[in-house]
């Protein structure tokens, strides 16, 4: 019986001089960043065909347990690795972890084998991903519920026995990204509803979410809710009275248009709004006490 083809490796090169990706991870996360970076490459070394999808919750939990990292920090570091080009951003946008740089580094291990190392193009073809390489932009995977096909190793002419599995990507809440911006859809919505000063709304929204560690499934919807509830206190302070629609009260706006959010999101946003004004009141009281 012929020996089965080997589609993993027992080593990968690790250069003493750190590159841009490792420097950024270490600067932000310290030794935790170094460990995660190394463990991701170790994980890819062991995987058949050196790629892995974490679209399924069970696979995601297993991946982060193997890389010794909590999910929140790990997802942020993977996003950084996609932005810097260490992993393929167009694959990562589909929750697939693969790296052209890693494949290049272990190519020598396949020179004496009958089978060739897999290519990024083959991985992309399997997952139905189009694109010619990393976009070096924000590529954090979407959290909408979708049905996706994944596998643990790709079926090719030289590897016909790979097992393909079906999985469901479940909705999950995520923390706000540093580069969260006002999307085109929110701009159109704000124009239709008569809201302006979006930069000021955005600043208050990001500060409040970051300070309190808020997480959401749909960040555009959460931002709309913050505008409606006036987290920035633009209408409360009378800075935007006039014919631009910003003088409307939250109650009147809801009665006329509705918020477009689910009941759960309504309750969560209301709680956030109440906490925001409570903190503002405490700040005002502290300032008054300091002036007396």
C-alpha atoms as a PDB file:
ATOM      1  CA  UNK A   1       0.000   0.000   0.000  1.00  0.00           C
ATOM      2  CA  UNK A   2       1.376   3.379  -1.014  1.00  0.00           C
ATOM      3  CA  UNK A   3       2.111   5.872   1.728  1.00  0.00           C
ATOM      4  CA  UNK A   4      -0.502   8.621   1.953  1.00  0.00           C
ATOM      5  CA  UNK A   5       0.596  11.975   0.662  1.00  0.00           C
ATOM      6  CA  UNK A   6       1.780  14.327   3.385  1.00  0.00           C
ATOM      7  CA  UNK A   7      -0.013  17.681   3.213  1.00  0.00           C
ATOM      8  CA  UNK A   8       1.324  19.324   6.359  1.00  0.00           C
ATOM      9  CA  UNK A   9       4.766  20.318   7.619  1.00  0.00           C
ATOM     10  CA  UNK A  10       6.683  19.877  10.853  1.00  0.00           C
ATOM     11  CA  UNK A  11       8.412  23.256  10.804  1.00  0.00           C
ATOM     12  CA  UNK A  12       8.258  26.764   9.427  1.00  0.00           C
ATOM     13  CA  UNK A  13      10.989  29.432   9.262  1.00  0.00           C
ATOM     14  CA  UNK A  14      10.912  32.067  11.971  1.00  0.00           C
ATOM     15  CA  UNK A  15      13.222  34.964  11.235  1.00  0.00           C
ATOM     16  CA  UNK A  16      15.038  36.793  14.035  1.00  0.00           C
ATOM     17  CA  UNK A  17      14.324  40.201  12.527  1.00  0.00           C
ATOM     18  CA  UNK A  18      10.622  40.817  13.085  1.00  0.00           C
ATOM     19  CA  UNK A  19       8.496  42.087  10.246  1.00  0.00           C
ATOM     20  CA  UNK A  20       5.847  44.774  10.210  1.00  0.00           C
ATOM     21  CA  UNK A  21       2.978  42.508  11.321  1.00  0.00           C
ATOM     22  CA  UNK A  22       4.784  41.075  14.334  1.00  0.00           C
ATOM     23  CA  UNK A  23       5.992  44.546  15.352  1.00  0.00           C
ATOM     24  CA  UNK A  24       2.419  45.908  15.303  1.00  0.00           C
ATOM     25  CA  UNK A  25       1.025  42.956  17.281  1.00  0.00           C
ATOM     26  CA  UNK A  26       3.770  43.196  19.894  1.00  0.00           C
ATOM     27  CA  UNK A  27       3.335  46.956  20.172  1.00  0.00           C
ATOM     28  CA  UNK A  28      -0.404  46.566  20.835  1.00  0.00           C
ATOM     29  CA  UNK A  29      -0.538  43.271  22.765  1.00  0.00           C
ATOM     30  CA  UNK A  30       2.997  42.695  24.048  1.00  0.00           C
ATOM     31  CA  UNK A  31       4.035  39.063  24.542  1.00  0.00           C
ATOM     32  CA  UNK A  32       0.430  38.031  23.910  1.00  0.00           C
ATOM     33  CA  UNK A  33       0.805  39.289  20.341  1.00  0.00           C
ATOM     34  CA  UNK A  34       4.056  37.374  19.871  1.00  0.00           C
ATOM     35  CA  UNK A  35       2.516  34.169  21.156  1.00  0.00           C
ATOM     36  CA  UNK A  36      -0.603  34.448  19.021  1.00  0.00           C
ATOM     37  CA  UNK A  37       1.385  35.236  15.859  1.00  0.00           C
ATOM     38  CA  UNK A  38       3.606  32.185  16.417  1.00  0.00           C
ATOM     39  CA  UNK A  39       0.731  29.880  17.332  1.00  0.00           C
ATOM     40  CA  UNK A  40      -1.238  30.831  14.201  1.00  0.00           C
ATOM     41  CA  UNK A  41       1.731  29.792  12.035  1.00  0.00           C
ATOM     42  CA  UNK A  42       2.170  26.594  14.060  1.00  0.00           C
ATOM     43  CA  UNK A  43      -1.524  25.861  13.588  1.00  0.00           C
ATOM     44  CA  UNK A  44      -1.309  26.395   9.816  1.00  0.00           C
ATOM     45  CA  UNK A  45       1.719  24.086   9.708  1.00  0.00           C
ATOM     46  CA  UNK A  46      -0.353  21.212  11.092  1.00  0.00           C
ATOM     47  CA  UNK A  47      -3.469  21.782   9.015  1.00  0.00           C
ATOM     48  CA  UNK A  48      -3.873  19.771   5.791  1.00  0.00           C
ATOM     49  CA  UNK A  49      -3.149  22.202   2.948  1.00  0.00           C
ATOM     50  CA  UNK A  50      -2.335  24.942   5.482  1.00  0.00           C
ATOM     51  CA  UNK A  51      -5.666  26.723   5.743  1.00  0.00           C
ATOM     52  CA  UNK A  52      -8.612  26.689   8.122  1.00  0.00           C
ATOM     53  CA  UNK A  53     -12.116  28.138   8.283  1.00  0.00           C
ATOM     54  CA  UNK A  54     -13.482  29.364  11.615  1.00  0.00           C
ATOM     55  CA  UNK A  55     -16.949  30.135  10.266  1.00  0.00           C
ATOM     56  CA  UNK A  56     -18.461  27.437  12.486  1.00  0.00           C
ATOM     57  CA  UNK A  57     -18.629  28.361  16.154  1.00  0.00           C
ATOM     58  CA  UNK A  58     -17.181  25.009  17.238  1.00  0.00           C
ATOM     59  CA  UNK A  59     -14.183  25.440  14.916  1.00  0.00           C
ATOM     60  CA  UNK A  60     -13.710  29.003  16.142  1.00  0.00           C
ATOM     61  CA  UNK A  61     -13.636  27.858  19.772  1.00  0.00           C
ATOM     62  CA  UNK A  62     -11.192  25.072  18.924  1.00  0.00           C
ATOM     63  CA  UNK A  63      -8.908  27.430  16.967  1.00  0.00           C
ATOM     64  CA  UNK A  64      -8.643  29.951  19.795  1.00  0.00           C
ATOM     65  CA  UNK A  65      -8.073  27.198  22.347  1.00  0.00           C
ATOM     66  CA  UNK A  66      -5.216  25.868  20.183  1.00  0.00           C
ATOM     67  CA  UNK A  67      -3.687  29.325  19.755  1.00  0.00           C
ATOM     68  CA  UNK A  68      -4.069  30.055  23.496  1.00  0.00           C
ATOM     69  CA  UNK A  69      -5.949  33.298  22.966  1.00  0.00           C
ATOM     70  CA  UNK A  70      -9.334  34.739  23.860  1.00  0.00           C
ATOM     71  CA  UNK A  71     -11.682  35.256  20.911  1.00  0.00           C
ATOM     72  CA  UNK A  72     -11.999  39.046  21.159  1.00  0.00           C
ATOM     73  CA  UNK A  73      -8.245  39.710  21.098  1.00  0.00           C
ATOM     74  CA  UNK A  74      -7.655  36.943  18.565  1.00  0.00           C
ATOM     75  CA  UNK A  75     -10.181  38.316  16.086  1.00  0.00           C
ATOM     76  CA  UNK A  76      -8.652  41.766  16.389  1.00  0.00           C
ATOM     77  CA  UNK A  77      -5.158  40.384  15.771  1.00  0.00           C
ATOM     78  CA  UNK A  78      -6.339  38.366  12.766  1.00  0.00           C
ATOM     79  CA  UNK A  79      -7.869  41.507  11.351  1.00  0.00           C
ATOM     80  CA  UNK A  80      -4.528  43.287  11.806  1.00  0.00           C
ATOM     81  CA  UNK A  81      -2.755  40.386  10.080  1.00  0.00           C
ATOM     82  CA  UNK A  82      -5.169  40.743   7.151  1.00  0.00           C
ATOM     83  CA  UNK A  83      -4.638  44.500   6.948  1.00  0.00           C
ATOM     84  CA  UNK A  84      -0.848  44.075   6.872  1.00  0.00           C
ATOM     85  CA  UNK A  85      -1.074  41.240   4.354  1.00  0.00           C
ATOM     86  CA  UNK A  86       0.207  38.434   6.577  1.00  0.00           C
ATOM     87  CA  UNK A  87      -2.989  36.477   5.920  1.00  0.00           C
ATOM     88  CA  UNK A  88      -5.142  36.824   2.805  1.00  0.00           C
ATOM     89  CA  UNK A  89      -7.744  39.521   3.441  1.00  0.00           C
ATOM     90  CA  UNK A  90     -10.222  38.337   0.809  1.00  0.00           C
ATOM     91  CA  UNK A  91     -10.216  34.848   2.374  1.00  0.00           C
ATOM     92  CA  UNK A  92     -10.338  36.258   5.910  1.00  0.00           C
ATOM     93  CA  UNK A  93     -13.453  38.224   4.980  1.00  0.00           C
ATOM     94  CA  UNK A  94     -15.054  34.742   4.660  1.00  0.00           C
ATOM     95  CA  UNK A  95     -13.544  33.574   8.004  1.00  0.00           C
ATOM     96  CA  UNK A  96     -10.826  31.551   6.230  1.00  0.00           C
ATOM     97  CA  UNK A  97      -7.259  31.765   7.553  1.00  0.00           C
ATOM     98  CA  UNK A  98      -4.574  31.253   4.906  1.00  0.00           C
ATOM     99  CA  UNK A  99      -1.285  32.971   4.104  1.00  0.00           C
ATOM    100  CA  UNK A 100       0.658  33.280   0.878  1.00  0.00           C
ATOM    101  CA  UNK A 101       3.722  34.308   2.887  1.00  0.00           C
ATOM    102  CA  UNK A 102       3.447  31.135   4.963  1.00  0.00           C
ATOM    103  CA  UNK A 103       3.079  28.929   1.869  1.00  0.00           C
ATOM    104  CA  UNK A 104       6.185  30.539   0.369  1.00  0.00           C
ATOM    105  CA  UNK A 105       8.150  29.888   3.561  1.00  0.00           C
ATOM    106  CA  UNK A 106       7.420  26.119   3.643  1.00  0.00           C
ATOM    107  CA  UNK A 107       7.599  25.430  -0.085  1.00  0.00           C
ATOM    108  CA  UNK A 108      11.019  23.770   0.292  1.00  0.00           C
ATOM    109  CA  UNK A 109       9.453  21.015   2.432  1.00  0.00           C
ATOM    110  CA  UNK A 110       7.467  19.858  -0.624  1.00  0.00           C
ATOM    111  CA  UNK A 111      10.362  19.712  -3.112  1.00  0.00           C
ATOM    112  CA  UNK A 112      11.055  16.016  -2.505  1.00  0.00           C
ATOM    113  CA  UNK A 113       7.386  15.013  -2.303  1.00  0.00           C
ATOM    114  CA  UNK A 114       5.261  13.613  -5.091  1.00  0.00           C
ATOM    115  CA  UNK A 115       2.552  16.163  -4.391  1.00  0.00           C
ATOM    116  CA  UNK A 116       2.914  19.912  -4.810  1.00  0.00           C
ATOM    117  CA  UNK A 117       2.096  22.488  -2.185  1.00  0.00           C
ATOM    118  CA  UNK A 118      -1.367  23.958  -2.555  1.00  0.00           C
ATOM    119  CA  UNK A 119      -1.714  27.446  -4.008  1.00  0.00           C
ATOM    120  CA  UNK A 120      -3.697  30.390  -2.701  1.00  0.00           C
ATOM    121  CA  UNK A 121      -5.674  30.339  -5.945  1.00  0.00           C
ATOM    122  CA  UNK A 122      -6.825  26.761  -5.257  1.00  0.00           C
ATOM    123  CA  UNK A 123      -7.937  27.742  -1.763  1.00  0.00           C
ATOM    124  CA  UNK A 124      -9.831  30.749  -3.102  1.00  0.00           C
ATOM    125  CA  UNK A 125     -11.476  28.667  -5.827  1.00  0.00           C
ATOM    126  CA  UNK A 126     -12.686  26.164  -3.268  1.00  0.00           C
ATOM    127  CA  UNK A 127     -14.260  28.781  -1.041  1.00  0.00           C
ATOM    128  CA  UNK A 128     -15.620  30.730  -3.995  1.00  0.00           C
ATOM    129  CA  UNK A 129     -13.543  33.802  -3.187  1.00  0.00           C
ATOM    130  CA  UNK A 130     -12.672  36.192  -5.985  1.00  0.00           C
ATOM    131  CA  UNK A 131      -9.820  38.678  -5.818  1.00  0.00           C
ATOM    132  CA  UNK A 132      -6.207  39.051  -6.797  1.00  0.00           C
ATOM    133  CA  UNK A 133      -4.684  39.477  -3.378  1.00  0.00           C
ATOM    134  CA  UNK A 134      -4.790  41.433  -0.159  1.00  0.00           C
ATOM    135  CA  UNK A 135      -6.683  44.696  -0.174  1.00  0.00           C
ATOM    136  CA  UNK A 136      -4.876  46.053   2.927  1.00  0.00           C
ATOM    137  CA  UNK A 137      -8.145  47.481   4.206  1.00  0.00           C
ATOM    138  CA  UNK A 138     -10.630  46.784   6.959  1.00  0.00           C
ATOM    139  CA  UNK A 139     -11.781  43.225   6.308  1.00  0.00           C
ATOM    140  CA  UNK A 140     -13.331  42.107   9.564  1.00  0.00           C
ATOM    141  CA  UNK A 141     -15.622  39.192   8.642  1.00  0.00           C
ATOM    142  CA  UNK A 142     -19.339  39.907   8.433  1.00  0.00           C
ATOM    143  CA  UNK A 143     -21.389  38.514  11.319  1.00  0.00           C
ATOM    144  CA  UNK A 144     -24.633  37.990   9.427  1.00  0.00           C
ATOM    145  CA  UNK A 145     -26.064  34.473   9.471  1.00  0.00           C
ATOM    146  CA  UNK A 146     -25.129  32.722   6.246  1.00  0.00           C
ATOM    147  CA  UNK A 147     -24.796  29.142   5.089  1.00  0.00           C
ATOM    148  CA  UNK A 148     -21.291  28.335   3.920  1.00  0.00           C
ATOM    149  CA  UNK A 149     -19.376  25.295   2.714  1.00  0.00           C
ATOM    150  CA  UNK A 150     -16.089  24.590   4.441  1.00  0.00           C
ATOM    151  CA  UNK A 151     -13.587  21.757   4.550  1.00  0.00           C
ATOM    152  CA  UNK A 152     -10.555  20.700   6.500  1.00  0.00           C
ATOM    153  CA  UNK A 153      -8.491  20.018   3.387  1.00  0.00           C
ATOM    154  CA  UNK A 154      -9.234  20.816  -0.233  1.00  0.00           C
ATOM    155  CA  UNK A 155     -10.211  18.179  -2.748  1.00  0.00           C
ATOM    156  CA  UNK A 156      -7.738  18.294  -5.632  1.00  0.00           C
ATOM    157  CA  UNK A 157      -6.577  15.804  -8.215  1.00  0.00           C
ATOM    158  CA  UNK A 158      -3.798  14.721  -5.863  1.00  0.00           C
ATOM    159  CA  UNK A 159      -5.979  14.698  -2.759  1.00  0.00           C
ATOM    160  CA  UNK A 160      -9.428  13.303  -3.664  1.00  0.00           C
ATOM    161  CA  UNK A 161     -10.510  12.117  -0.220  1.00  0.00           C
ATOM    162  CA  UNK A 162     -10.996  15.399   1.611  1.00  0.00           C
ATOM    163  CA  UNK A 163     -14.208  15.661   3.641  1.00  0.00           C
ATOM    164  CA  UNK A 164     -16.470  18.632   2.995  1.00  0.00           C
ATOM    165  CA  UNK A 165     -18.800  19.797   5.742  1.00  0.00           C
ATOM    166  CA  UNK A 166     -21.684  22.258   5.889  1.00  0.00           C
ATOM    167  CA  UNK A 167     -21.869  24.815   8.678  1.00  0.00           C
ATOM    168  CA  UNK A 168     -23.931  27.783   9.785  1.00  0.00           C
ATOM    169  CA  UNK A 169     -22.248  31.067  10.681  1.00  0.00           C
ATOM    170  CA  UNK A 170     -24.104  32.299  13.742  1.00  0.00           C
ATOM    171  CA  UNK A 171     -24.611  35.957  14.596  1.00  0.00           C
ATOM    172  CA  UNK A 172     -22.224  37.255  17.204  1.00  0.00           C
ATOM    173  CA  UNK A 173     -21.638  40.598  18.863  1.00  0.00           C
ATOM    174  CA  UNK A 174     -18.313  42.334  18.326  1.00  0.00           C
ATOM    175  CA  UNK A 175     -16.594  45.359  19.918  1.00  0.00           C
ATOM    176  CA  UNK A 176     -16.337  48.575  17.929  1.00  0.00           C
ATOM    177  CA  UNK A 177     -13.366  48.867  15.583  1.00  0.00           C
ATOM    178  CA  UNK A 178     -10.996  51.818  15.827  1.00  0.00           C
ATOM    179  CA  UNK A 179     -11.635  52.583  12.156  1.00  0.00           C
ATOM    180  CA  UNK A 180     -15.427  52.532  12.376  1.00  0.00           C
ATOM    181  CA  UNK A 181     -16.777  55.286  10.100  1.00  0.00           C
ATOM    182  CA  UNK A 182     -20.098  56.643   8.930  1.00  0.00           C
ATOM    183  CA  UNK A 183     -21.161  54.292   6.135  1.00  0.00           C
ATOM    184  CA  UNK A 184     -22.864  55.417   2.945  1.00  0.00           C
ATOM    185  CA  UNK A 185     -26.091  53.721   4.026  1.00  0.00           C
ATOM    186  CA  UNK A 186     -26.118  55.672   7.314  1.00  0.00           C
ATOM    187  CA  UNK A 187     -25.423  58.910   5.437  1.00  0.00           C
ATOM    188  CA  UNK A 188     -28.408  58.250   3.152  1.00  0.00           C
ATOM    189  CA  UNK A 189     -30.596  57.377   6.144  1.00  0.00           C
ATOM    190  CA  UNK A 190     -29.546  60.532   8.024  1.00  0.00           C
ATOM    191  CA  UNK A 191     -30.246  62.712   4.982  1.00  0.00           C
ATOM    192  CA  UNK A 192     -33.690  61.156   4.582  1.00  0.00           C
ATOM    193  CA  UNK A 193     -34.553  61.601   8.275  1.00  0.00           C
ATOM    194  CA  UNK A 194     -33.124  65.121   8.541  1.00  0.00           C
ATOM    195  CA  UNK A 195     -30.085  64.501  10.750  1.00  0.00           C
ATOM    196  CA  UNK A 196     -26.726  66.205  10.216  1.00  0.00           C
ATOM    197  CA  UNK A 197     -23.523  66.811  12.193  1.00  0.00           C
ATOM    198  CA  UNK A 198     -22.676  63.131  11.738  1.00  0.00           C
ATOM    199  CA  UNK A 199     -19.025  63.640  12.708  1.00  0.00           C
ATOM    200  CA  UNK A 200     -20.065  64.901  16.152  1.00  0.00           C
ATOM    201  CA  UNK A 201     -22.552  62.050  16.546  1.00  0.00           C
ATOM    202  CA  UNK A 202     -19.824  59.600  15.533  1.00  0.00           C
ATOM    203  CA  UNK A 203     -17.311  60.933  18.058  1.00  0.00           C
ATOM    204  CA  UNK A 204     -19.782  60.623  20.948  1.00  0.00           C
ATOM    205  CA  UNK A 205     -20.843  57.165  19.776  1.00  0.00           C
ATOM    206  CA  UNK A 206     -17.295  55.775  19.539  1.00  0.00           C
ATOM    207  CA  UNK A 207     -16.228  57.243  22.880  1.00  0.00           C
ATOM    208  CA  UNK A 208     -19.292  55.870  24.668  1.00  0.00           C
ATOM    209  CA  UNK A 209     -18.978  52.393  23.134  1.00  0.00           C
ATOM    210  CA  UNK A 210     -15.246  52.191  23.824  1.00  0.00           C
ATOM    211  CA  UNK A 211     -15.528  53.471  27.393  1.00  0.00           C
ATOM    212  CA  UNK A 212     -18.268  50.995  28.280  1.00  0.00           C
ATOM    213  CA  UNK A 213     -17.145  48.020  26.197  1.00  0.00           C
ATOM    214  CA  UNK A 214     -20.389  47.836  24.236  1.00  0.00           C
ATOM    215  CA  UNK A 215     -20.778  45.086  21.643  1.00  0.00           C
ATOM    216  CA  UNK A 216     -23.321  44.870  18.824  1.00  0.00           C
ATOM    217  CA  UNK A 217     -24.268  42.624  15.947  1.00  0.00           C
ATOM    218  CA  UNK A 218     -25.141  45.483  13.581  1.00  0.00           C
ATOM    219  CA  UNK A 219     -23.026  48.572  14.205  1.00  0.00           C
ATOM    220  CA  UNK A 220     -24.754  50.756  11.621  1.00  0.00           C
ATOM    221  CA  UNK A 221     -28.095  50.068  13.314  1.00  0.00           C
ATOM    222  CA  UNK A 222     -26.587  50.827  16.716  1.00  0.00           C
ATOM    223  CA  UNK A 223     -25.170  54.113  15.402  1.00  0.00           C
ATOM    224  CA  UNK A 224     -28.574  55.105  13.992  1.00  0.00           C
ATOM    225  CA  UNK A 225     -30.064  54.393  17.405  1.00  0.00           C
ATOM    226  CA  UNK A 226     -27.444  56.612  19.075  1.00  0.00           C
ATOM    227  CA  UNK A 227     -28.284  59.445  16.671  1.00  0.00           C
ATOM    228  CA  UNK A 228     -32.002  59.073  17.354  1.00  0.00           C
ATOM    229  CA  UNK A 229     -31.391  59.071  21.118  1.00  0.00           C
ATOM    230  CA  UNK A 230     -28.934  61.984  20.773  1.00  0.00           C
ATOM    231  CA  UNK A 231     -25.947  60.468  22.591  1.00  0.00           C
ATOM    232  CA  UNK A 232     -23.953  63.547  21.550  1.00  0.00           C
ATOM    233  CA  UNK A 233     -26.552  65.819  23.239  1.00  0.00           C
ATOM    234  CA  UNK A 234     -26.676  68.064  20.205  1.00  0.00           C
ATOM    235  CA  UNK A 235     -30.414  68.632  20.404  1.00  0.00           C
ATOM    236  CA  UNK A 236     -30.434  68.756  24.226  1.00  0.00           C
ATOM    237  CA  UNK A 237     -27.941  71.620  24.200  1.00  0.00           C
ATOM    238  CA  UNK A 238     -29.796  73.515  21.518  1.00  0.00           C
ATOM    239  CA  UNK A 239     -26.928  73.529  19.074  1.00  0.00           C
ATOM    240  CA  UNK A 240     -28.966  72.359  16.126  1.00  0.00           C
ATOM    241  CA  UNK A 241     -32.354  74.007  16.323  1.00  0.00           C
ATOM    242  CA  UNK A 242     -33.860  75.004  13.017  1.00  0.00           C
ATOM    243  CA  UNK A 243     -35.181  73.444   9.874  1.00  0.00           C
ATOM    244  CA  UNK A 244     -32.706  70.583   9.588  1.00  0.00           C
ATOM    245  CA  UNK A 245     -34.849  68.078  11.522  1.00  0.00           C
ATOM    246  CA  UNK A 246     -32.394  67.752  14.419  1.00  0.00           C
ATOM    247  CA  UNK A 247     -34.743  69.553  16.827  1.00  0.00           C
ATOM    248  CA  UNK A 248     -37.156  66.626  16.843  1.00  0.00           C
ATOM    249  CA  UNK A 249     -37.508  64.753  20.104  1.00  0.00           C
ATOM    250  CA  UNK A 250     -36.728  61.074  20.348  1.00  0.00           C
ATOM    251  CA  UNK A 251     -40.349  60.255  21.150  1.00  0.00           C
ATOM    252  CA  UNK A 252     -41.758  62.144  18.171  1.00  0.00           C
ATOM    253  CA  UNK A 253     -39.222  60.583  15.831  1.00  0.00           C
ATOM    254  CA  UNK A 254     -40.061  57.087  17.005  1.00  0.00           C
ATOM    255  CA  UNK A 255     -43.784  57.676  16.751  1.00  0.00           C
ATOM    256  CA  UNK A 256     -43.445  58.942  13.216  1.00  0.00           C
ATOM    257  CA  UNK A 257     -40.729  56.738  11.753  1.00  0.00           C
ATOM    258  CA  UNK A 258     -39.807  53.965  14.194  1.00  0.00           C
ATOM    259  CA  UNK A 259     -36.174  53.085  14.921  1.00  0.00           C
ATOM    260  CA  UNK A 260     -35.844  50.091  12.576  1.00  0.00           C
ATOM    261  CA  UNK A 261     -34.298  48.016  15.384  1.00  0.00           C
ATOM    262  CA  UNK A 262     -35.372  44.784  16.996  1.00  0.00           C
ATOM    263  CA  UNK A 263     -36.996  44.884  20.475  1.00  0.00           C
ATOM    264  CA  UNK A 264     -33.777  43.508  21.989  1.00  0.00           C
ATOM    265  CA  UNK A 265     -31.710  46.227  20.312  1.00  0.00           C
ATOM    266  CA  UNK A 266     -34.271  48.843  21.448  1.00  0.00           C
ATOM    267  CA  UNK A 267     -33.935  47.767  25.076  1.00  0.00           C
ATOM    268  CA  UNK A 268     -30.155  47.614  24.931  1.00  0.00           C
ATOM    269  CA  UNK A 269     -29.846  51.028  23.285  1.00  0.00           C
ATOM    270  CA  UNK A 270     -32.269  52.567  25.801  1.00  0.00           C
ATOM    271  CA  UNK A 271     -30.174  51.209  28.649  1.00  0.00           C
ATOM    272  CA  UNK A 272     -27.023  52.598  27.050  1.00  0.00           C
ATOM    273  CA  UNK A 273     -28.699  55.966  26.553  1.00  0.00           C
ATOM    274  CA  UNK A 274     -29.820  56.130  30.182  1.00  0.00           C
ATOM    275  CA  UNK A 275     -26.311  55.257  31.388  1.00  0.00           C
ATOM    276  CA  UNK A 276     -24.818  57.930  29.119  1.00  0.00           C
ATOM    277  CA  UNK A 277     -27.023  60.710  30.536  1.00  0.00           C
ATOM    278  CA  UNK A 278     -26.449  59.473  34.079  1.00  0.00           C
ATOM    279  CA  UNK A 279     -22.703  59.821  33.566  1.00  0.00           C
ATOM    280  CA  UNK A 280     -23.131  63.281  32.025  1.00  0.00           C
ATOM    281  CA  UNK A 281     -25.188  64.358  35.033  1.00  0.00           C
ATOM    282  CA  UNK A 282     -22.484  63.102  37.405  1.00  0.00           C
ATOM    283  CA  UNK A 283     -19.838  64.988  35.435  1.00  0.00           C
ATOM    284  CA  UNK A 284     -21.895  68.170  35.625  1.00  0.00           C
ATOM    285  CA  UNK A 285     -22.390  67.702  39.379  1.00  0.00           C
ATOM    286  CA  UNK A 286     -18.664  67.138  39.904  1.00  0.00           C
ATOM    287  CA  UNK A 287     -17.865  70.266  37.903  1.00  0.00           C
ATOM    288  CA  UNK A 288     -20.357  72.323  39.940  1.00  0.00           C
ATOM    289  CA  UNK A 289     -18.869  71.014  43.179  1.00  0.00           C
ATOM    290  CA  UNK A 290     -15.393  71.904  41.976  1.00  0.00           C
ATOM    291  CA  UNK A 291     -16.417  75.467  41.132  1.00  0.00           C
ATOM    292  CA  UNK A 292     -17.879  76.167  44.589  1.00  0.00           C
END
